[in-house]
Amino acid sequence: MIMMTARKIRALRTALKLTQTAFAVKMHVCQNTIARWELDLSHPTFERQRRLNDMATAARIDLN
C-alpha cells in the first residue's frame, strides 16, 4: 500500500478530474477534510488510505 501524502492525494483527485467536493463525496468525508489532507494539515485514517489506494489502482493511476 502506498502512503498517501498531500501531493499524492491531490494528484489522485486531479487525475480523476474531480473537484474537492466531488472527491469528498466519493471518500465519504466533507470537502474541508480533503482540503486539509491536500494542505498536509491532517492525514487520512488507515481505512481512508486504503480507499485512496483502491481508487488509484482501479483507475490505473501511478502515484509513485
C-alpha atoms as a PDB file:
ATOM      1  CA  MET A   1       0.000   0.000   0.000  1.00  0.00           C
ATOM      2  CA  ILE A   2       1.307   3.436  -0.955  1.00  0.00           C
ATOM      3  CA  MET A   3       1.463   6.032   1.823  1.00  0.00           C
ATOM      4  CA  MET A   4      -0.753   8.854   0.614  1.00  0.00           C
ATOM      5  CA  THR A   5       0.966  12.193   1.022  1.00  0.00           C
ATOM      6  CA  ALA A   6      -0.710  15.539   0.449  1.00  0.00           C
ATOM      7  CA  ARG A   7       0.852  15.710  -3.019  1.00  0.00           C
ATOM      8  CA  LYS A   8      -0.348  12.209  -3.937  1.00  0.00           C
ATOM      9  CA  ILE A   9      -3.879  12.867  -2.720  1.00  0.00           C
ATOM     10  CA  ARG A  10      -4.107  15.998  -4.838  1.00  0.00           C
ATOM     11  CA  ALA A  11      -2.539  14.177  -7.811  1.00  0.00           C
ATOM     12  CA  LEU A  12      -5.106  11.387  -7.497  1.00  0.00           C
ATOM     13  CA  ARG A  13      -8.016  13.817  -7.264  1.00  0.00           C
ATOM     14  CA  THR A  14      -6.870  15.838 -10.268  1.00  0.00           C
ATOM     15  CA  ALA A  15      -6.116  12.690 -12.318  1.00  0.00           C
ATOM     16  CA  LEU A  16      -9.686  11.601 -11.643  1.00  0.00           C
ATOM     17  CA  LYS A  17     -10.825  15.087 -12.749  1.00  0.00           C
ATOM     18  CA  LEU A  18     -12.789  15.643  -9.555  1.00  0.00           C
ATOM     19  CA  THR A  19     -13.362  18.782  -7.532  1.00  0.00           C
ATOM     20  CA  GLN A  20     -12.614  18.626  -3.822  1.00  0.00           C
ATOM     21  CA  THR A  21     -16.357  18.425  -3.210  1.00  0.00           C
ATOM     22  CA  ALA A  22     -16.914  15.530  -5.632  1.00  0.00           C
ATOM     23  CA  PHE A  23     -13.860  13.730  -4.265  1.00  0.00           C
ATOM     24  CA  ALA A  24     -15.154  14.226  -0.728  1.00  0.00           C
ATOM     25  CA  VAL A  25     -18.458  12.604  -1.668  1.00  0.00           C
ATOM     26  CA  LYS A  26     -16.600   9.555  -3.034  1.00  0.00           C
ATOM     27  CA  MET A  27     -14.496   9.380   0.146  1.00  0.00           C
ATOM     28  CA  HIS A  28     -17.484   9.921   2.471  1.00  0.00           C
ATOM     29  CA  VAL A  29     -15.904  12.963   4.119  1.00  0.00           C
ATOM     30  CA  CYS A  30     -16.559  16.698   3.940  1.00  0.00           C
ATOM     31  CA  GLN A  31     -14.809  18.990   1.472  1.00  0.00           C
ATOM     32  CA  ASN A  32     -12.839  20.618   4.286  1.00  0.00           C
ATOM     33  CA  THR A  33     -11.279  17.252   5.077  1.00  0.00           C
ATOM     34  CA  ILE A  34      -9.996  16.926   1.515  1.00  0.00           C
ATOM     35  CA  ALA A  35      -8.593  20.455   1.702  1.00  0.00           C
ATOM     36  CA  ARG A  36      -6.805  19.648   4.983  1.00  0.00           C
ATOM     37  CA  TRP A  37      -5.352  16.454   3.509  1.00  0.00           C
ATOM     38  CA  GLU A  38      -4.086  18.326   0.447  1.00  0.00           C
ATOM     39  CA  LEU A  39      -2.558  21.056   2.616  1.00  0.00           C
ATOM     40  CA  ASP A  40      -0.913  18.406   4.834  1.00  0.00           C
ATOM     41  CA  LEU A  41      -2.789  19.711   7.883  1.00  0.00           C
ATOM     42  CA  SER A  42      -4.282  16.298   8.643  1.00  0.00           C
ATOM     43  CA  HIS A  43      -3.963  12.777   7.304  1.00  0.00           C
ATOM     44  CA  PRO A  44      -6.421  10.110   6.202  1.00  0.00           C
ATOM     45  CA  THR A  45      -7.145   7.222   8.541  1.00  0.00           C
ATOM     46  CA  PHE A  46      -5.857   3.781   7.606  1.00  0.00           C
ATOM     47  CA  GLU A  47      -9.251   2.905   6.107  1.00  0.00           C
ATOM     48  CA  ARG A  48      -9.287   6.091   4.028  1.00  0.00           C
ATOM     49  CA  GLN A  49      -5.677   5.416   2.935  1.00  0.00           C
ATOM     50  CA  ARG A  50      -6.790   2.005   1.732  1.00  0.00           C
ATOM     51  CA  ARG A  51      -9.745   3.544  -0.135  1.00  0.00           C
ATOM     52  CA  LEU A  52      -7.435   6.079  -1.811  1.00  0.00           C
ATOM     53  CA  ASN A  53      -5.092   3.285  -2.880  1.00  0.00           C
ATOM     54  CA  ASP A  54      -8.005   1.256  -4.213  1.00  0.00           C
ATOM     55  CA  MET A  55      -9.214   4.245  -6.233  1.00  0.00           C
ATOM     56  CA  ALA A  56      -5.732   4.786  -7.710  1.00  0.00           C
ATOM     57  CA  THR A  57      -5.382   1.099  -8.575  1.00  0.00           C
ATOM     58  CA  ALA A  58      -8.831   0.887 -10.147  1.00  0.00           C
ATOM     59  CA  ALA A  59      -8.138   3.961 -12.274  1.00  0.00           C
ATOM     60  CA  ARG A  60      -4.605   2.695 -13.084  1.00  0.00           C
ATOM     61  CA  ILE A  61      -3.025   5.864 -11.746  1.00  0.00           C
ATOM     62  CA  ASP A  62       0.630   5.539 -10.741  1.00  0.00           C
ATOM     63  CA  LEU A  63       1.334   7.769  -7.730  1.00  0.00           C
ATOM     64  CA  ASN A  64       4.955   6.751  -7.177  1.00  0.00           C
END
